[in-house]
C-alpha cells in the first residue's frame, strides 16, 4: 500500500472540508500510515474457514406471525395532530 504524505492529507482534509493547520499535516500523515499498517496486518489473517457473522453473540431472532392490521390507533394518533380532517392529518396547501 502506498504511503500517505502531507499533500494527500491536505487533499483529504479539503474534500472533507476540515481545516487542518500546516504543522499538523505531517503528524496526521504518520497516524494515517500507522492505521493503514494495521489494516494490512488484518488482511494477512487467514479467514477461509471462518463463517461470517453479524454479531459476536450467537442469538436467534424470535419469529412472530405476520398479521395484517391497521393498528387500531387512528384516534390516538390523530389526537397528536395540530389539525385533522376526515380521519387524516390536515396540512396547509403548498402548491397553487
N, C-alpha and C. Protein backbone atom coordinates (compact mmCIF):
# COMPACT_ATOMS: atom_id res chain seq x y z
N UNK A 1 0.85 -1.18 0.00
CA UNK A 1 0.00 0.00 0.00
C UNK A 1 0.89 1.24 0.00
N UNK A 2 0.46 2.27 -0.64
CA UNK A 2 1.29 3.47 -0.75
C UNK A 2 1.23 4.28 0.54
N UNK A 3 2.31 5.00 0.78
CA UNK A 3 2.37 5.86 1.96
C UNK A 3 1.59 7.14 1.72
N UNK A 4 0.99 7.64 2.78
CA UNK A 4 0.25 8.89 2.70
C UNK A 4 1.19 10.02 3.09
N UNK A 5 1.25 11.04 2.26
CA UNK A 5 2.13 12.17 2.53
C UNK A 5 1.29 13.40 2.92
N UNK A 6 1.98 14.51 3.18
CA UNK A 6 1.30 15.73 3.59
C UNK A 6 0.30 16.21 2.55
N UNK A 7 0.66 16.09 1.28
CA UNK A 7 -0.24 16.56 0.21
C UNK A 7 -1.53 15.75 0.20
N UNK A 8 -1.42 14.44 0.44
CA UNK A 8 -2.63 13.60 0.46
C UNK A 8 -3.50 13.95 1.65
N UNK A 9 -2.89 14.19 2.81
CA UNK A 9 -3.66 14.58 3.99
C UNK A 9 -4.35 15.92 3.73
N UNK A 10 -3.65 16.86 3.11
CA UNK A 10 -4.26 18.16 2.80
C UNK A 10 -5.43 17.99 1.84
N UNK A 11 -5.30 17.10 0.86
CA UNK A 11 -6.39 16.88 -0.10
C UNK A 11 -7.59 16.23 0.59
N UNK A 12 -7.34 15.24 1.46
CA UNK A 12 -8.43 14.60 2.20
C UNK A 12 -9.14 15.62 3.08
N UNK A 13 -8.37 16.46 3.75
CA UNK A 13 -8.96 17.50 4.61
C UNK A 13 -9.80 18.46 3.79
N UNK A 14 -9.30 18.84 2.62
CA UNK A 14 -10.07 19.77 1.77
C UNK A 14 -11.36 19.12 1.31
N UNK A 15 -11.30 17.85 0.89
CA UNK A 15 -12.51 17.16 0.44
C UNK A 15 -13.52 16.98 1.58
N UNK A 16 -13.00 16.76 2.79
CA UNK A 16 -13.88 16.60 3.95
C UNK A 16 -14.27 17.95 4.57
N UNK A 17 -13.73 19.02 3.99
CA UNK A 17 -13.99 20.38 4.47
C UNK A 17 -13.61 20.54 5.94
N UNK A 18 -12.41 20.03 6.24
CA UNK A 18 -11.85 20.13 7.58
C UNK A 18 -10.61 21.01 7.50
N UNK A 19 -10.55 22.02 8.33
CA UNK A 19 -9.39 22.90 8.34
C UNK A 19 -8.31 22.27 9.22
N UNK A 20 -7.16 22.04 8.64
CA UNK A 20 -6.02 21.48 9.37
C UNK A 20 -4.84 22.41 9.16
N UNK A 21 -4.23 22.80 10.25
CA UNK A 21 -3.07 23.67 10.19
C UNK A 21 -1.91 22.96 9.50
N UNK A 22 -1.05 23.72 8.85
CA UNK A 22 0.07 23.18 8.08
C UNK A 22 0.99 22.32 8.95
N UNK A 23 1.24 22.74 10.19
CA UNK A 23 2.14 21.99 11.06
C UNK A 23 1.54 20.68 11.57
N UNK A 24 0.24 20.48 11.39
CA UNK A 24 -0.43 19.24 11.83
C UNK A 24 -0.49 18.19 10.73
N UNK A 25 -0.18 18.57 9.48
CA UNK A 25 -0.31 17.64 8.36
C UNK A 25 0.67 16.47 8.46
N UNK A 26 1.90 16.73 8.79
CA UNK A 26 2.91 15.66 8.88
C UNK A 26 2.57 14.63 9.97
N UNK A 27 2.22 15.07 11.21
CA UNK A 27 1.83 14.07 12.21
C UNK A 27 0.59 13.26 11.81
N UNK A 28 -0.37 13.92 11.15
CA UNK A 28 -1.56 13.19 10.70
C UNK A 28 -1.22 12.17 9.63
N UNK A 29 -0.29 12.51 8.76
CA UNK A 29 0.14 11.55 7.74
C UNK A 29 0.74 10.32 8.40
N UNK A 30 1.54 10.52 9.45
CA UNK A 30 2.11 9.39 10.18
C UNK A 30 1.03 8.54 10.82
N UNK A 31 0.04 9.18 11.43
CA UNK A 31 -1.04 8.42 12.07
C UNK A 31 -1.84 7.62 11.04
N UNK A 32 -2.14 8.24 9.90
CA UNK A 32 -2.89 7.52 8.86
C UNK A 32 -2.08 6.35 8.31
N UNK A 33 -0.76 6.52 8.17
CA UNK A 33 0.07 5.41 7.72
C UNK A 33 0.09 4.28 8.74
N UNK A 34 0.09 4.61 10.04
CA UNK A 34 0.01 3.58 11.08
C UNK A 34 -1.31 2.82 10.99
N UNK A 35 -2.41 3.54 10.78
CA UNK A 35 -3.72 2.90 10.66
C UNK A 35 -3.75 1.97 9.46
N UNK A 36 -3.22 2.43 8.33
CA UNK A 36 -3.19 1.58 7.14
C UNK A 36 -2.29 0.37 7.35
N UNK A 37 -1.24 0.51 8.16
CA UNK A 37 -0.40 -0.64 8.50
C UNK A 37 -1.18 -1.69 9.27
N UNK A 38 -2.03 -1.25 10.20
CA UNK A 38 -2.87 -2.20 10.93
C UNK A 38 -3.85 -2.90 9.99
N UNK A 39 -4.40 -2.16 9.05
CA UNK A 39 -5.33 -2.76 8.08
C UNK A 39 -4.61 -3.81 7.25
N UNK A 40 -3.38 -3.52 6.85
CA UNK A 40 -2.60 -4.51 6.09
C UNK A 40 -2.35 -5.76 6.92
N UNK A 41 -2.10 -5.60 8.22
CA UNK A 41 -1.91 -6.77 9.09
C UNK A 41 -3.20 -7.59 9.16
N UNK A 42 -4.34 -6.94 9.23
CA UNK A 42 -5.62 -7.66 9.26
C UNK A 42 -5.84 -8.42 7.97
N UNK A 43 -5.36 -7.88 6.86
CA UNK A 43 -5.52 -8.52 5.56
C UNK A 43 -4.73 -9.83 5.50
N UNK A 44 -3.68 -9.96 6.31
CA UNK A 44 -2.86 -11.16 6.31
C UNK A 44 -3.49 -12.32 7.09
N UNK A 45 -4.51 -12.06 7.88
CA UNK A 45 -5.15 -13.10 8.70
C UNK A 45 -5.94 -14.03 7.79
N UNK A 46 -5.75 -15.33 7.97
CA UNK A 46 -6.46 -16.33 7.18
C UNK A 46 -7.87 -16.52 7.76
N UNK A 47 -8.87 -16.15 6.99
CA UNK A 47 -10.26 -16.28 7.44
C UNK A 47 -11.06 -17.23 6.54
N UNK A 48 -10.36 -18.16 5.88
CA UNK A 48 -11.04 -19.06 4.94
C UNK A 48 -12.09 -19.93 5.60
N UNK A 49 -11.82 -20.44 6.80
CA UNK A 49 -12.76 -21.36 7.46
C UNK A 49 -13.64 -20.67 8.49
N UNK A 50 -13.69 -19.35 8.47
CA UNK A 50 -14.48 -18.59 9.43
C UNK A 50 -15.81 -18.20 8.79
N UNK A 51 -16.90 -18.53 9.47
CA UNK A 51 -18.23 -18.18 8.98
C UNK A 51 -18.51 -16.70 9.24
N UNK A 52 -19.11 -16.03 8.28
CA UNK A 52 -19.48 -14.62 8.51
C UNK A 52 -20.49 -14.52 9.64
N UNK A 53 -20.43 -13.42 10.38
CA UNK A 53 -21.38 -13.23 11.47
C UNK A 53 -21.80 -11.78 11.55
N UNK A 54 -22.97 -11.56 12.08
CA UNK A 54 -23.48 -10.20 12.21
C UNK A 54 -23.32 -9.68 13.63
N UNK A 55 -22.97 -10.57 14.55
CA UNK A 55 -22.82 -10.18 15.94
C UNK A 55 -21.86 -11.15 16.62
N UNK A 56 -21.26 -10.71 17.69
CA UNK A 56 -20.38 -11.61 18.44
C UNK A 56 -21.19 -12.57 19.30
N UNK A 57 -22.46 -12.29 19.48
CA UNK A 57 -23.35 -13.15 20.26
C UNK A 57 -24.17 -13.98 19.29
N UNK A 58 -24.18 -15.29 19.49
CA UNK A 58 -24.96 -16.17 18.62
C UNK A 58 -26.41 -16.19 19.11
N UNK A 59 -27.18 -15.20 18.68
CA UNK A 59 -28.56 -15.07 19.12
C UNK A 59 -29.50 -15.39 17.96
N UNK A 60 -30.59 -15.99 18.28
CA UNK A 60 -31.62 -16.30 17.29
C UNK A 60 -32.73 -15.27 17.40
N UNK A 61 -33.26 -14.86 16.25
CA UNK A 61 -34.37 -13.93 16.24
C UNK A 61 -35.66 -14.65 16.60
N UNK A 62 -36.49 -13.98 17.36
CA UNK A 62 -37.79 -14.54 17.68
C UNK A 62 -38.74 -14.22 16.54
N UNK A 63 -39.44 -15.21 16.07
CA UNK A 63 -40.37 -15.02 14.97
C UNK A 63 -41.78 -14.87 15.52
N UNK A 64 -42.59 -14.12 14.83
CA UNK A 64 -44.00 -13.97 15.17
C UNK A 64 -44.81 -14.09 13.90
N UNK A 65 -46.07 -14.32 14.06
CA UNK A 65 -46.95 -14.40 12.92
C UNK A 65 -47.08 -13.01 12.29
N UNK A 66 -47.08 -12.98 10.98
CA UNK A 66 -47.22 -11.73 10.26
C UNK A 66 -48.71 -11.49 10.05
N UNK A 67 -49.27 -10.66 10.90
CA UNK A 67 -50.70 -10.39 10.85
C UNK A 67 -50.92 -8.98 10.32
N UNK A 68 -51.78 -8.87 9.32
CA UNK A 68 -52.11 -7.57 8.76
C UNK A 68 -53.11 -6.89 9.69
N UNK A 69 -52.80 -5.66 10.05
CA UNK A 69 -53.65 -4.93 10.98
C UNK A 69 -53.48 -3.44 10.71
N UNK A 70 -54.52 -2.66 10.95
CA UNK A 70 -54.38 -1.21 10.79
C UNK A 70 -53.85 -0.58 12.07
N UNK A 71 -53.62 -1.37 13.09
CA UNK A 71 -53.08 -0.86 14.33
C UNK A 71 -54.15 -0.41 15.30
N UNK A 72 -55.34 -0.08 14.77
CA UNK A 72 -56.46 0.36 15.58
C UNK A 72 -56.07 1.50 16.52
N UNK A 73 -55.28 2.43 16.02
CA UNK A 73 -54.82 3.54 16.84
C UNK A 73 -55.05 4.88 16.14
N UNK A 74 -55.94 4.93 15.18
CA UNK A 74 -56.14 6.14 14.41
C UNK A 74 -56.53 7.32 15.30
N UNK A 75 -57.45 7.12 16.20
CA UNK A 75 -57.90 8.22 17.04
C UNK A 75 -56.78 8.74 17.94
N UNK A 76 -56.03 7.83 18.56
CA UNK A 76 -54.97 8.28 19.46
C UNK A 76 -53.83 8.96 18.70
N UNK A 77 -53.56 8.52 17.47
CA UNK A 77 -52.52 9.17 16.67
C UNK A 77 -52.98 10.55 16.24
N UNK A 78 -54.21 10.67 15.79
CA UNK A 78 -54.72 11.96 15.32
C UNK A 78 -54.91 12.97 16.45
N UNK A 79 -54.95 12.50 17.70
CA UNK A 79 -55.02 13.44 18.82
C UNK A 79 -53.75 14.28 18.89
N UNK A 80 -52.63 13.76 18.39
CA UNK A 80 -51.36 14.49 18.40
C UNK A 80 -51.25 15.48 17.24
N UNK A 81 -52.13 15.38 16.28
CA UNK A 81 -52.04 16.24 15.09
C UNK A 81 -52.55 17.64 15.42
N UNK A 82 -51.89 18.67 14.90
CA UNK A 82 -52.41 20.02 15.11
C UNK A 82 -53.74 20.23 14.41
N UNK A 83 -53.93 19.52 13.29
CA UNK A 83 -55.18 19.66 12.55
C UNK A 83 -55.46 18.33 11.85
N UNK A 84 -56.67 17.80 12.03
CA UNK A 84 -57.05 16.54 11.39
C UNK A 84 -58.44 16.70 10.80
N UNK A 85 -58.61 16.10 9.61
CA UNK A 85 -59.92 16.13 8.96
C UNK A 85 -60.19 14.78 8.31
N UNK A 86 -61.39 14.29 8.46
CA UNK A 86 -61.84 13.05 7.82
C UNK A 86 -60.94 11.86 8.16
N UNK A 87 -60.37 11.83 9.36
CA UNK A 87 -59.53 10.72 9.78
C UNK A 87 -58.11 10.76 9.26
N UNK A 88 -57.66 11.92 8.76
CA UNK A 88 -56.30 12.07 8.23
C UNK A 88 -55.67 13.34 8.80
N UNK A 89 -54.34 13.42 8.70
CA UNK A 89 -53.65 14.66 9.05
C UNK A 89 -54.02 15.71 8.01
N UNK A 90 -54.32 16.91 8.44
CA UNK A 90 -54.62 18.01 7.55
C UNK A 90 -53.42 18.95 7.54
N UNK A 91 -52.94 19.27 6.34
CA UNK A 91 -51.78 20.15 6.21
C UNK A 91 -52.17 21.30 5.30
N UNK A 92 -51.48 22.43 5.44
CA UNK A 92 -51.81 23.56 4.58
C UNK A 92 -51.40 23.28 3.13
N UNK A 93 -52.13 23.87 2.22
CA UNK A 93 -51.84 23.73 0.81
C UNK A 93 -50.54 24.44 0.48
N UNK A 94 -49.62 23.75 -0.22
CA UNK A 94 -48.33 24.36 -0.51
C UNK A 94 -48.14 24.59 -2.01
N UNK A 95 -48.96 23.98 -2.85
CA UNK A 95 -48.86 24.17 -4.29
C UNK A 95 -50.17 24.81 -4.75
N UNK A 96 -50.04 25.86 -5.54
CA UNK A 96 -51.24 26.53 -6.00
C UNK A 96 -51.55 26.18 -7.43
